[in-house]
């Protein structure tokens, strides 16, 4: 019962992160080299980002959904370097730009999501109001860093998806993920496919 209440609270509040032992308060962009005590910049070439539908705290990973089901997305990062590094986790609105295709054709974001993006960019909301966390990526250890609702279900409970409920069809998804908290370059994730059936 307590777990169900926690999951519902996460969904309703739009929180996209959980309390993790590998999260710490925000740090400068430089990273501490744990063996030498020296700092160095994150090399984006050493970070591999994969995505999967399902998984995370909400349900098992899957590539098949029924019409009306919400579609969650989980983001995993792997540090392919030899030293631990921290990456920022500030929120999907600031760090992610999913790109969903249905039968090869792009699908637009929900109008409310598009408005939120424009407002956040205009008002620099991330810089002013967000509470970022740093997530530790140990060498060659895949780590779930974030999850969010990609597409709403037919019954919305305030989960604030990027896309309207999905109709039947074949979908292809990729994502641009920013390593820094609020600005900077993005990294292309893996591309995945899933289907929605009647």
N, C-alpha and C. Protein backbone atom coordinates (compact mmCIF):
# COMPACT_ATOMS: atom_id res chain seq x y z
N UNK A 1 0.82 -1.19 0.00
CA UNK A 1 0.00 0.00 0.00
C UNK A 1 0.87 1.25 0.00
N UNK A 2 1.93 1.25 0.83
CA UNK A 2 2.82 2.39 0.90
C UNK A 2 3.55 2.61 -0.43
N UNK A 3 3.98 1.51 -1.08
CA UNK A 3 4.66 1.60 -2.36
C UNK A 3 3.72 2.16 -3.42
N UNK A 4 2.48 1.69 -3.44
CA UNK A 4 1.50 2.19 -4.41
C UNK A 4 1.27 3.68 -4.22
N UNK A 5 1.20 4.13 -2.98
CA UNK A 5 1.00 5.55 -2.70
C UNK A 5 2.19 6.37 -3.18
N UNK A 6 3.42 5.84 -2.99
CA UNK A 6 4.61 6.53 -3.44
C UNK A 6 4.63 6.66 -4.96
N UNK A 7 4.33 5.56 -5.66
CA UNK A 7 4.30 5.59 -7.13
C UNK A 7 3.27 6.59 -7.61
N UNK A 8 2.08 6.60 -7.00
CA UNK A 8 1.04 7.55 -7.40
C UNK A 8 1.49 8.98 -7.15
N UNK A 9 2.16 9.23 -6.02
CA UNK A 9 2.65 10.57 -5.73
C UNK A 9 3.68 11.01 -6.76
N UNK A 10 4.56 10.10 -7.19
CA UNK A 10 5.55 10.42 -8.21
C UNK A 10 4.85 10.80 -9.50
N UNK A 11 3.85 10.03 -9.89
CA UNK A 11 3.13 10.30 -11.14
C UNK A 11 2.42 11.63 -11.06
N UNK A 12 1.68 11.86 -9.98
CA UNK A 12 0.88 13.08 -9.86
C UNK A 12 1.72 14.33 -9.75
N UNK A 13 2.87 14.24 -9.14
CA UNK A 13 3.68 15.44 -8.94
C UNK A 13 4.60 15.72 -10.12
N UNK A 14 4.69 14.80 -11.07
CA UNK A 14 5.55 15.02 -12.22
C UNK A 14 7.02 14.80 -11.91
N UNK A 15 7.32 14.22 -10.74
CA UNK A 15 8.72 13.96 -10.40
C UNK A 15 9.25 12.87 -11.31
N UNK A 16 10.44 13.08 -11.85
CA UNK A 16 11.00 12.10 -12.76
C UNK A 16 12.21 11.39 -12.19
N UNK A 17 12.52 11.64 -10.92
CA UNK A 17 13.64 10.95 -10.32
C UNK A 17 13.21 10.34 -9.00
N UNK A 18 13.92 9.36 -8.56
CA UNK A 18 13.65 8.75 -7.26
C UNK A 18 14.81 9.05 -6.34
N UNK A 19 14.61 8.83 -5.05
CA UNK A 19 15.73 8.96 -4.14
C UNK A 19 16.69 7.84 -4.46
N UNK A 20 17.91 8.21 -4.82
CA UNK A 20 18.89 7.21 -5.21
C UNK A 20 20.13 7.40 -4.36
N UNK A 21 20.80 6.31 -4.06
CA UNK A 21 22.02 6.42 -3.28
C UNK A 21 23.16 6.97 -4.12
N UNK A 22 22.99 6.97 -5.46
CA UNK A 22 24.05 7.49 -6.31
C UNK A 22 23.80 8.95 -6.69
N UNK A 23 22.82 9.61 -6.07
CA UNK A 23 22.54 11.02 -6.32
C UNK A 23 23.11 11.85 -5.19
N UNK A 24 23.69 12.97 -5.56
CA UNK A 24 24.25 13.89 -4.58
C UNK A 24 23.84 15.30 -4.95
N UNK A 25 24.01 16.27 -4.06
CA UNK A 25 23.69 17.65 -4.41
C UNK A 25 24.49 18.11 -5.61
N UNK A 26 24.02 19.18 -6.28
CA UNK A 26 24.71 19.67 -7.48
C UNK A 26 26.18 19.94 -7.22
N UNK A 27 27.00 19.62 -8.19
CA UNK A 27 28.43 19.85 -8.15
C UNK A 27 28.81 20.71 -9.35
N UNK A 28 29.98 21.29 -9.34
CA UNK A 28 30.44 22.00 -10.53
C UNK A 28 30.56 21.04 -11.70
N UNK A 29 30.70 21.61 -12.90
CA UNK A 29 30.77 20.79 -14.10
C UNK A 29 32.03 19.93 -14.14
N UNK A 30 33.07 20.33 -13.42
CA UNK A 30 34.26 19.51 -13.40
C UNK A 30 34.01 18.30 -12.52
N UNK A 31 34.71 17.21 -12.84
CA UNK A 31 34.51 15.95 -12.14
C UNK A 31 35.77 15.59 -11.36
N UNK A 32 35.56 15.03 -10.17
CA UNK A 32 36.68 14.62 -9.34
C UNK A 32 37.17 13.25 -9.79
N UNK A 33 38.45 13.14 -10.03
CA UNK A 33 39.07 11.86 -10.34
C UNK A 33 39.34 11.18 -9.01
N UNK A 34 38.62 10.08 -8.74
CA UNK A 34 38.65 9.48 -7.41
C UNK A 34 40.01 8.87 -7.06
N UNK A 35 40.82 8.55 -8.04
CA UNK A 35 42.09 7.92 -7.71
C UNK A 35 43.21 8.94 -7.55
N UNK A 36 43.16 10.03 -8.31
CA UNK A 36 44.25 10.99 -8.25
C UNK A 36 43.88 12.27 -7.52
N UNK A 37 42.57 12.48 -7.26
CA UNK A 37 42.14 13.71 -6.64
C UNK A 37 42.08 14.88 -7.61
N UNK A 38 42.35 14.65 -8.88
CA UNK A 38 42.31 15.70 -9.88
C UNK A 38 40.91 15.81 -10.47
N UNK A 39 40.61 16.98 -11.06
CA UNK A 39 39.33 17.16 -11.72
C UNK A 39 39.51 17.18 -13.23
N UNK A 40 38.46 16.76 -13.92
CA UNK A 40 38.50 16.79 -15.39
C UNK A 40 37.08 16.97 -15.90
N UNK A 41 36.96 17.47 -17.10
CA UNK A 41 35.65 17.66 -17.72
C UNK A 41 35.09 16.31 -18.16
N UNK A 42 33.75 16.20 -18.14
CA UNK A 42 33.13 14.99 -18.68
C UNK A 42 33.38 14.97 -20.17
N UNK A 43 33.81 13.84 -20.67
CA UNK A 43 33.97 13.65 -22.09
C UNK A 43 32.69 12.99 -22.59
N UNK A 44 31.89 13.74 -23.35
CA UNK A 44 30.60 13.21 -23.80
C UNK A 44 30.77 11.96 -24.65
N UNK A 45 31.94 11.77 -25.24
CA UNK A 45 32.19 10.57 -26.04
C UNK A 45 32.25 9.31 -25.17
N UNK A 46 32.44 9.49 -23.86
CA UNK A 46 32.53 8.31 -22.99
C UNK A 46 31.20 7.96 -22.36
N UNK A 47 30.13 8.69 -22.69
CA UNK A 47 28.81 8.41 -22.13
C UNK A 47 27.92 7.81 -23.22
N UNK A 48 27.46 6.60 -22.98
CA UNK A 48 26.52 5.93 -23.89
C UNK A 48 25.14 6.01 -23.26
N UNK A 49 24.15 6.46 -24.04
CA UNK A 49 22.79 6.61 -23.52
C UNK A 49 21.86 5.67 -24.27
N UNK A 50 21.15 4.85 -23.52
CA UNK A 50 20.17 3.95 -24.11
C UNK A 50 18.80 4.26 -23.53
N UNK A 51 17.77 3.95 -24.31
CA UNK A 51 16.40 4.15 -23.87
C UNK A 51 15.63 2.85 -24.03
N UNK A 52 14.57 2.73 -23.23
CA UNK A 52 13.70 1.56 -23.31
C UNK A 52 12.30 1.99 -22.90
N UNK A 53 11.30 1.41 -23.56
CA UNK A 53 9.93 1.67 -23.14
C UNK A 53 9.59 0.71 -22.01
N UNK A 54 8.87 1.24 -21.03
CA UNK A 54 8.58 0.45 -19.84
C UNK A 54 9.78 0.44 -18.92
N UNK A 55 9.72 -0.43 -17.94
CA UNK A 55 10.81 -0.52 -16.99
C UNK A 55 10.72 0.58 -15.95
N UNK A 56 11.82 0.81 -15.25
CA UNK A 56 11.84 1.82 -14.20
C UNK A 56 10.94 1.42 -13.05
N UNK A 57 10.38 2.38 -12.33
CA UNK A 57 9.60 2.06 -11.13
C UNK A 57 8.16 1.69 -11.43
N UNK A 58 7.73 1.83 -12.68
CA UNK A 58 6.30 1.73 -12.97
C UNK A 58 5.84 0.38 -13.50
N UNK A 59 6.62 -0.28 -14.31
CA UNK A 59 6.19 -1.55 -14.91
C UNK A 59 7.36 -2.22 -15.59
N UNK A 60 7.22 -3.48 -15.98
CA UNK A 60 8.32 -4.17 -16.68
C UNK A 60 8.55 -3.56 -18.07
N UNK A 61 9.79 -3.69 -18.56
CA UNK A 61 10.11 -3.23 -19.90
C UNK A 61 9.32 -4.05 -20.92
N UNK A 62 8.85 -3.39 -21.97
CA UNK A 62 8.10 -4.08 -23.02
C UNK A 62 8.20 -3.27 -24.31
N UNK A 63 7.96 -3.92 -25.43
CA UNK A 63 7.91 -3.21 -26.70
C UNK A 63 6.53 -3.32 -27.35
N UNK A 64 5.53 -3.74 -26.56
CA UNK A 64 4.15 -3.86 -27.07
C UNK A 64 3.19 -3.23 -26.07
N UNK A 65 2.34 -2.34 -26.57
CA UNK A 65 1.34 -1.67 -25.74
C UNK A 65 -0.02 -1.79 -26.41
N UNK A 66 -1.05 -1.68 -25.61
CA UNK A 66 -2.42 -1.64 -26.14
C UNK A 66 -2.86 -0.19 -26.24
N UNK A 67 -3.78 0.08 -27.15
CA UNK A 67 -4.34 1.42 -27.29
C UNK A 67 -4.88 1.84 -25.93
N UNK A 68 -4.55 3.04 -25.52
CA UNK A 68 -5.04 3.56 -24.25
C UNK A 68 -4.08 3.41 -23.09
N UNK A 69 -3.02 2.60 -23.27
CA UNK A 69 -2.03 2.45 -22.21
C UNK A 69 -1.04 3.61 -22.25
N UNK A 70 -0.61 4.11 -21.09
CA UNK A 70 0.49 5.07 -21.10
C UNK A 70 1.79 4.35 -21.47
N UNK A 71 2.71 5.08 -22.09
CA UNK A 71 3.99 4.51 -22.50
C UNK A 71 5.10 5.23 -21.72
N UNK A 72 5.69 4.56 -20.72
CA UNK A 72 6.81 5.16 -19.99
C UNK A 72 8.13 4.94 -20.73
N UNK A 73 9.06 5.83 -20.48
CA UNK A 73 10.39 5.73 -21.10
C UNK A 73 11.44 5.78 -20.00
N UNK A 74 12.42 4.89 -20.08
CA UNK A 74 13.50 4.82 -19.11
C UNK A 74 14.81 5.16 -19.81
N UNK A 75 15.63 5.99 -19.17
CA UNK A 75 16.92 6.41 -19.73
C UNK A 75 18.04 5.83 -18.89
N UNK A 76 18.94 5.11 -19.55
CA UNK A 76 20.08 4.49 -18.89
C UNK A 76 21.37 5.07 -19.49
N UNK A 77 22.32 5.39 -18.64
CA UNK A 77 23.61 5.87 -19.11
C UNK A 77 24.71 4.91 -18.67
N UNK A 78 25.70 4.76 -19.53
CA UNK A 78 26.86 3.94 -19.22
C UNK A 78 28.12 4.77 -19.45
N UNK A 79 28.95 4.84 -18.44
CA UNK A 79 30.24 5.53 -18.53
C UNK A 79 31.25 4.52 -19.09
N UNK A 80 31.70 4.74 -20.32
CA UNK A 80 32.65 3.81 -20.93
C UNK A 80 34.10 4.17 -20.62
N UNK A 81 34.30 5.23 -19.83
CA UNK A 81 35.66 5.61 -19.43
C UNK A 81 36.16 4.76 -18.28
N UNK A 82 37.34 5.10 -17.80
CA UNK A 82 37.97 4.31 -16.74
C UNK A 82 37.79 4.91 -15.35
N UNK A 83 37.26 6.15 -15.26
CA UNK A 83 37.07 6.82 -13.98
C UNK A 83 35.59 7.16 -13.77
N UNK A 84 35.11 7.16 -12.51
CA UNK A 84 33.73 7.57 -12.25
C UNK A 84 33.52 9.04 -12.62
N UNK A 85 32.33 9.36 -13.09
CA UNK A 85 31.96 10.75 -13.39
C UNK A 85 30.54 10.99 -12.89
N UNK A 86 30.19 12.25 -12.71
CA UNK A 86 28.83 12.64 -12.38
C UNK A 86 28.19 13.29 -13.59
N UNK A 87 26.90 13.00 -13.79
CA UNK A 87 26.10 13.71 -14.79
C UNK A 87 24.92 14.33 -14.05
N UNK A 88 24.35 15.35 -14.65
CA UNK A 88 23.24 16.06 -14.02
C UNK A 88 21.91 15.39 -14.34
N UNK A 89 20.98 15.45 -13.41
CA UNK A 89 19.60 15.05 -13.63
C UNK A 89 18.73 16.16 -13.07
N UNK A 90 18.23 17.02 -13.98
CA UNK A 90 17.46 18.18 -13.54
C UNK A 90 15.99 18.08 -13.90
N UNK A 91 15.64 17.31 -14.91
CA UNK A 91 14.25 17.17 -15.30
C UNK A 91 14.12 17.00 -16.80
N UNK A 92 13.17 16.19 -17.19
CA UNK A 92 13.01 15.86 -18.60
C UNK A 92 12.69 17.07 -19.47
N UNK A 93 11.98 18.05 -18.92
CA UNK A 93 11.63 19.24 -19.70
C UNK A 93 12.87 19.97 -20.18
N UNK A 94 13.92 19.95 -19.37
CA UNK A 94 15.14 20.68 -19.70
C UNK A 94 16.17 19.82 -20.42
N UNK A 95 16.12 18.52 -20.22
CA UNK A 95 17.21 17.68 -20.71
C UNK A 95 16.85 16.76 -21.88
N UNK A 96 15.57 16.54 -22.14
CA UNK A 96 15.19 15.55 -23.15
C UNK A 96 14.40 16.18 -24.28
N UNK A 97 14.60 15.64 -25.47
CA UNK A 97 13.79 15.97 -26.64
C UNK A 97 13.52 14.67 -27.41
N UNK A 98 12.50 13.91 -26.96
CA UNK A 98 12.19 12.67 -27.67
C UNK A 98 11.70 12.96 -29.09
N UNK A 99 11.98 12.04 -29.98
CA UNK A 99 11.56 12.17 -31.38
C UNK A 99 10.86 10.87 -31.76
N UNK A 100 9.52 10.94 -31.86
CA UNK A 100 8.70 9.76 -32.11
C UNK A 100 8.17 9.78 -33.54
N UNK A 101 8.34 8.65 -34.21
CA UNK A 101 7.83 8.47 -35.57
C UNK A 101 6.80 7.35 -35.57
N UNK A 102 5.71 7.54 -36.30
CA UNK A 102 4.74 6.47 -36.51
C UNK A 102 4.75 6.12 -37.99
N UNK A 103 5.05 4.89 -38.29
CA UNK A 103 5.15 4.45 -39.68
C UNK A 103 6.04 5.40 -40.48
N UNK A 104 7.12 5.88 -39.85
CA UNK A 104 8.10 6.73 -40.51
C UNK A 104 7.79 8.21 -40.50
N UNK A 105 6.63 8.62 -39.97
CA UNK A 105 6.23 10.03 -39.98
C UNK A 105 6.32 10.62 -38.57
N UNK A 106 6.92 11.84 -38.43
CA UNK A 106 7.07 12.43 -37.10
C UNK A 106 5.72 12.79 -36.46
N UNK A 107 5.65 12.62 -35.15
CA UNK A 107 4.45 12.97 -34.39
C UNK A 107 4.78 14.22 -33.57
N UNK A 108 3.91 15.22 -33.59
CA UNK A 108 4.18 16.43 -32.80
C UNK A 108 3.93 16.20 -31.31
N UNK A 109 4.61 16.99 -30.47
CA UNK A 109 4.37 16.95 -29.04
C UNK A 109 2.94 17.41 -28.74
N UNK A 110 2.44 17.04 -27.56
CA UNK A 110 1.18 17.59 -27.09
C UNK A 110 1.33 19.11 -27.03
N UNK A 111 0.26 19.85 -27.31
CA UNK A 111 0.35 21.31 -27.31
C UNK A 111 0.77 21.84 -25.94
N UNK A 112 0.30 21.20 -24.87
CA UNK A 112 0.68 21.66 -23.53
C UNK A 112 2.18 21.47 -23.29
N UNK A 113 2.74 20.37 -23.79
CA UNK A 113 4.18 20.12 -23.63
C UNK A 113 4.98 21.14 -24.42
N UNK A 114 4.55 21.42 -25.65
CA UNK A 114 5.25 22.40 -26.47
C UNK A 114 5.23 23.76 -25.80
N UNK A 115 4.10 24.13 -25.20
CA UNK A 115 4.00 25.42 -24.50
C UNK A 115 4.94 25.45 -23.30
N UNK A 116 5.04 24.33 -22.58
CA UNK A 116 5.94 24.27 -21.42
C UNK A 116 7.39 24.43 -21.85
N UNK A 117 7.77 23.83 -22.97
CA UNK A 117 9.14 23.96 -23.48
C UNK A 117 9.43 25.43 -23.81
N UNK A 118 8.52 26.06 -24.54
CA UNK A 118 8.73 27.45 -24.94
C UNK A 118 8.82 28.37 -23.73
N UNK A 119 7.97 28.14 -22.73
CA UNK A 119 7.99 28.95 -21.51
C UNK A 119 9.29 28.75 -20.73
N UNK A 120 9.73 27.50 -20.62
CA UNK A 120 10.97 27.20 -19.90
C UNK A 120 12.17 27.85 -20.57
N UNK A 121 12.21 27.84 -21.90
CA UNK A 121 13.31 28.46 -22.63
C UNK A 121 13.26 29.98 -22.45
N UNK A 122 12.08 30.55 -22.61
CA UNK A 122 11.93 32.01 -22.51
C UNK A 122 12.28 32.53 -21.12
N UNK A 123 11.77 31.84 -20.09
CA UNK A 123 11.95 32.32 -18.71
C UNK A 123 13.17 31.75 -18.01
N UNK A 124 13.92 30.89 -18.71
CA UNK A 124 15.08 30.22 -18.12
C UNK A 124 14.71 29.58 -16.78
N UNK A 125 13.60 28.86 -16.79
CA UNK A 125 13.06 28.25 -15.58
C UNK A 125 14.05 27.31 -14.91
N UNK A 126 14.78 26.55 -15.69
CA UNK A 126 15.71 25.57 -15.11
C UNK A 126 16.76 26.27 -14.25
N UNK A 127 17.30 27.39 -14.74
CA UNK A 127 18.33 28.12 -14.00
C UNK A 127 17.79 28.69 -12.69
N UNK A 128 16.51 29.08 -12.68
CA UNK A 128 15.95 29.79 -11.54
C UNK A 128 15.30 28.89 -10.50
N UNK A 129 14.60 27.84 -10.95
CA UNK A 129 13.72 27.13 -10.03
C UNK A 129 14.00 25.65 -9.86
N UNK A 130 14.80 25.05 -10.69
CA UNK A 130 14.95 23.61 -10.62
C UNK A 130 15.95 23.20 -9.55
N UNK A 131 15.81 21.97 -9.06
CA UNK A 131 16.71 21.43 -8.05
C UNK A 131 17.44 20.23 -8.64
N UNK A 132 18.51 20.47 -9.36
CA UNK A 132 19.20 19.36 -10.02
C UNK A 132 19.93 18.46 -9.04
N UNK A 133 20.17 17.25 -9.48
CA UNK A 133 20.97 16.29 -8.74
C UNK A 133 22.09 15.81 -9.64
N UNK A 134 23.18 15.41 -9.04
CA UNK A 134 24.26 14.79 -9.78
C UNK A 134 24.15 13.28 -9.57
N UNK A 135 24.25 12.53 -10.66
CA UNK A 135 24.16 11.07 -10.60
C UNK A 135 25.53 10.50 -10.92
N UNK A 136 26.00 9.62 -10.06
CA UNK A 136 27.30 9.01 -10.24
C UNK A 136 27.22 7.88 -11.27
N UNK A 137 28.10 7.94 -12.27
CA UNK A 137 28.23 6.86 -13.25
C UNK A 137 29.59 6.19 -13.04
N UNK A 138 29.54 4.99 -12.53
CA UNK A 138 30.78 4.23 -12.36
C UNK A 138 31.17 3.61 -13.70
N UNK A 139 32.44 3.34 -13.91
CA UNK A 139 32.88 2.79 -15.20
C UNK A 139 32.15 1.51 -15.57
N UNK A 140 31.64 1.48 -16.80
CA UNK A 140 31.03 0.29 -17.40
C UNK A 140 29.91 -0.33 -16.56
N UNK A 141 29.16 0.52 -15.87
CA UNK A 141 28.05 0.06 -15.05
C UNK A 141 26.78 0.80 -15.48
N UNK A 142 25.93 0.18 -16.31
CA UNK A 142 24.71 0.87 -16.75
C UNK A 142 23.89 1.34 -15.55
N UNK A 143 23.46 2.60 -15.59
CA UNK A 143 22.73 3.22 -14.49
C UNK A 143 21.48 3.91 -15.00
N UNK A 144 20.32 3.56 -14.45
CA UNK A 144 19.08 4.27 -14.79
C UNK A 144 19.17 5.66 -14.18
N UNK A 145 19.11 6.68 -15.02
CA UNK A 145 19.24 8.06 -14.54
C UNK A 145 17.93 8.82 -14.54
N UNK A 146 16.94 8.36 -15.31
CA UNK A 146 15.70 9.12 -15.41
C UNK A 146 14.64 8.25 -16.05
N UNK A 147 13.38 8.63 -15.83
CA UNK A 147 12.25 8.01 -16.52
C UNK A 147 11.14 9.03 -16.57
N UNK A 148 10.32 8.92 -17.61
CA UNK A 148 9.19 9.84 -17.75
C UNK A 148 8.13 9.20 -18.63
N UNK A 149 6.95 9.82 -18.67
CA UNK A 149 5.87 9.32 -19.50
C UNK A 149 6.03 9.88 -20.90
N UNK A 150 6.25 9.00 -21.85
CA UNK A 150 6.40 9.40 -23.24
C UNK A 150 5.04 9.79 -23.82
N UNK A 151 4.06 8.91 -23.64
CA UNK A 151 2.72 9.15 -24.18
C UNK A 151 1.69 8.91 -23.09
N UNK A 152 0.72 9.80 -23.02
CA UNK A 152 -0.38 9.70 -22.07
C UNK A 152 -1.21 8.44 -22.35
N UNK A 153 -1.88 7.95 -21.32
CA UNK A 153 -2.91 6.94 -21.50
C UNK A 153 -4.24 7.64 -21.77
N UNK A 154 -5.26 6.88 -22.10
CA UNK A 154 -6.57 7.51 -22.38
C UNK A 154 -7.15 8.17 -21.15
N UNK A 155 -6.81 7.66 -19.96
CA UNK A 155 -7.23 8.30 -18.72
C UNK A 155 -6.02 8.96 -18.11
N UNK A 156 -5.92 10.27 -18.26
CA UNK A 156 -4.78 11.00 -17.73
C UNK A 156 -4.96 11.23 -16.23
N UNK A 157 -3.88 10.99 -15.48
CA UNK A 157 -3.92 11.30 -14.05
C UNK A 157 -2.83 12.32 -13.74
N UNK A 158 -2.57 13.19 -14.70
CA UNK A 158 -1.59 14.24 -14.48
C UNK A 158 -0.17 13.77 -14.67
N UNK A 159 0.04 12.72 -15.50
CA UNK A 159 1.39 12.21 -15.68
C UNK A 159 2.19 13.00 -16.70
N UNK A 160 1.54 13.96 -17.37
CA UNK A 160 2.26 14.96 -18.13
C UNK A 160 3.16 14.38 -19.22
N UNK A 161 2.58 13.61 -20.12
CA UNK A 161 3.35 13.00 -21.20
C UNK A 161 3.77 13.99 -22.26
N UNK A 162 4.61 13.53 -23.16
CA UNK A 162 5.05 14.32 -24.30
C UNK A 162 4.08 14.22 -25.47
N UNK A 163 3.40 13.09 -25.59
CA UNK A 163 2.52 12.83 -26.73
C UNK A 163 1.13 12.44 -26.26
N UNK A 164 0.15 12.71 -27.11
CA UNK A 164 -1.22 12.27 -26.87
C UNK A 164 -1.26 10.73 -26.85
N UNK A 165 -2.34 10.13 -26.35
CA UNK A 165 -2.45 8.67 -26.40
C UNK A 165 -2.20 8.16 -27.82
N UNK A 166 -1.48 7.06 -27.92
CA UNK A 166 -1.06 6.55 -29.22
C UNK A 166 -2.06 5.57 -29.80
N UNK A 167 -2.30 5.70 -31.10
CA UNK A 167 -3.15 4.76 -31.81
C UNK A 167 -2.36 3.55 -32.27
N UNK A 168 -3.04 2.57 -32.85
CA UNK A 168 -2.34 1.37 -33.33
C UNK A 168 -1.30 1.73 -34.38
N UNK A 169 -0.20 1.02 -34.36
CA UNK A 169 0.84 1.24 -35.37
C UNK A 169 2.21 0.87 -34.85
N UNK A 170 3.19 1.03 -35.76
CA UNK A 170 4.60 0.78 -35.41
C UNK A 170 5.26 2.13 -35.16
N UNK A 171 6.00 2.20 -34.08
CA UNK A 171 6.64 3.45 -33.66
C UNK A 171 8.15 3.27 -33.55
N UNK A 172 8.87 4.33 -33.91
CA UNK A 172 10.32 4.39 -33.75
C UNK A 172 10.62 5.61 -32.89
N UNK A 173 11.51 5.43 -31.93
CA UNK A 173 11.78 6.50 -30.97
C UNK A 173 13.28 6.67 -30.76
N UNK A 174 13.70 7.93 -30.74
CA UNK A 174 15.05 8.28 -30.29
C UNK A 174 14.89 9.48 -29.36
N UNK A 175 15.97 9.89 -28.74
CA UNK A 175 15.92 11.00 -27.80
C UNK A 175 17.23 11.76 -27.85
N UNK A 176 17.15 13.06 -27.70
CA UNK A 176 18.32 13.90 -27.51
C UNK A 176 18.39 14.20 -26.02
N UNK A 177 19.46 13.78 -25.36
CA UNK A 177 19.60 13.96 -23.91
C UNK A 177 20.77 14.88 -23.61
N UNK A 178 20.52 15.90 -22.82
CA UNK A 178 21.54 16.85 -22.39
C UNK A 178 22.23 16.32 -21.14
N UNK A 179 23.57 16.36 -21.11
CA UNK A 179 24.31 15.91 -19.93
C UNK A 179 24.33 16.95 -18.83
N UNK A 180 24.37 18.23 -19.22
CA UNK A 180 24.38 19.29 -18.21
C UNK A 180 22.95 19.55 -17.74
N UNK A 181 22.82 20.34 -16.69
CA UNK A 181 21.52 20.52 -16.05
C UNK A 181 20.52 21.30 -16.90
N UNK A 182 20.96 22.41 -17.48
CA UNK A 182 20.00 23.33 -18.10
C UNK A 182 20.32 23.72 -19.54
N UNK A 183 21.56 23.60 -19.95
CA UNK A 183 21.91 24.00 -21.31
C UNK A 183 23.07 23.15 -21.80
N UNK A 184 23.62 23.51 -22.93
CA UNK A 184 24.74 22.74 -23.46
C UNK A 184 24.29 21.76 -24.54
N UNK A 185 25.24 21.01 -25.04
CA UNK A 185 24.97 20.10 -26.14
C UNK A 185 24.22 18.86 -25.66
N UNK A 186 23.57 18.22 -26.62
CA UNK A 186 22.82 16.99 -26.33
C UNK A 186 23.48 15.82 -27.02
N UNK A 187 23.22 14.63 -26.49
CA UNK A 187 23.73 13.39 -27.06
C UNK A 187 22.55 12.60 -27.60
N UNK A 188 22.72 12.05 -28.77
CA UNK A 188 21.69 11.19 -29.37
C UNK A 188 21.70 9.84 -28.67
N UNK A 189 20.52 9.38 -28.28
CA UNK A 189 20.41 8.07 -27.65
C UNK A 189 20.32 6.98 -28.72
N UNK A 190 20.22 5.76 -28.26
CA UNK A 190 19.90 4.66 -29.17
C UNK A 190 18.51 4.89 -29.75
N UNK A 191 18.20 4.21 -30.84
CA UNK A 191 16.86 4.24 -31.43
C UNK A 191 16.19 2.92 -31.15
N UNK A 192 14.93 2.97 -30.71
CA UNK A 192 14.21 1.75 -30.40
C UNK A 192 12.88 1.74 -31.16
N UNK A 193 12.25 0.59 -31.20
CA UNK A 193 10.94 0.45 -31.83
C UNK A 193 9.98 -0.22 -30.86
N UNK A 194 8.71 0.13 -31.00
CA UNK A 194 7.67 -0.55 -30.24
C UNK A 194 6.38 -0.48 -31.04
N UNK A 195 5.41 -1.28 -30.64
CA UNK A 195 4.13 -1.31 -31.36
C UNK A 195 3.00 -1.06 -30.39
N UNK A 196 1.93 -0.48 -30.93
CA UNK A 196 0.68 -0.32 -30.19
C UNK A 196 -0.36 -1.13 -30.93
N UNK A 197 -1.02 -2.00 -30.21
CA UNK A 197 -2.01 -2.88 -30.82
C UNK A 197 -3.40 -2.52 -30.32
N UNK A 198 -4.46 -2.84 -31.10
CA UNK A 198 -5.83 -2.52 -30.67
C UNK A 198 -6.20 -3.21 -29.36
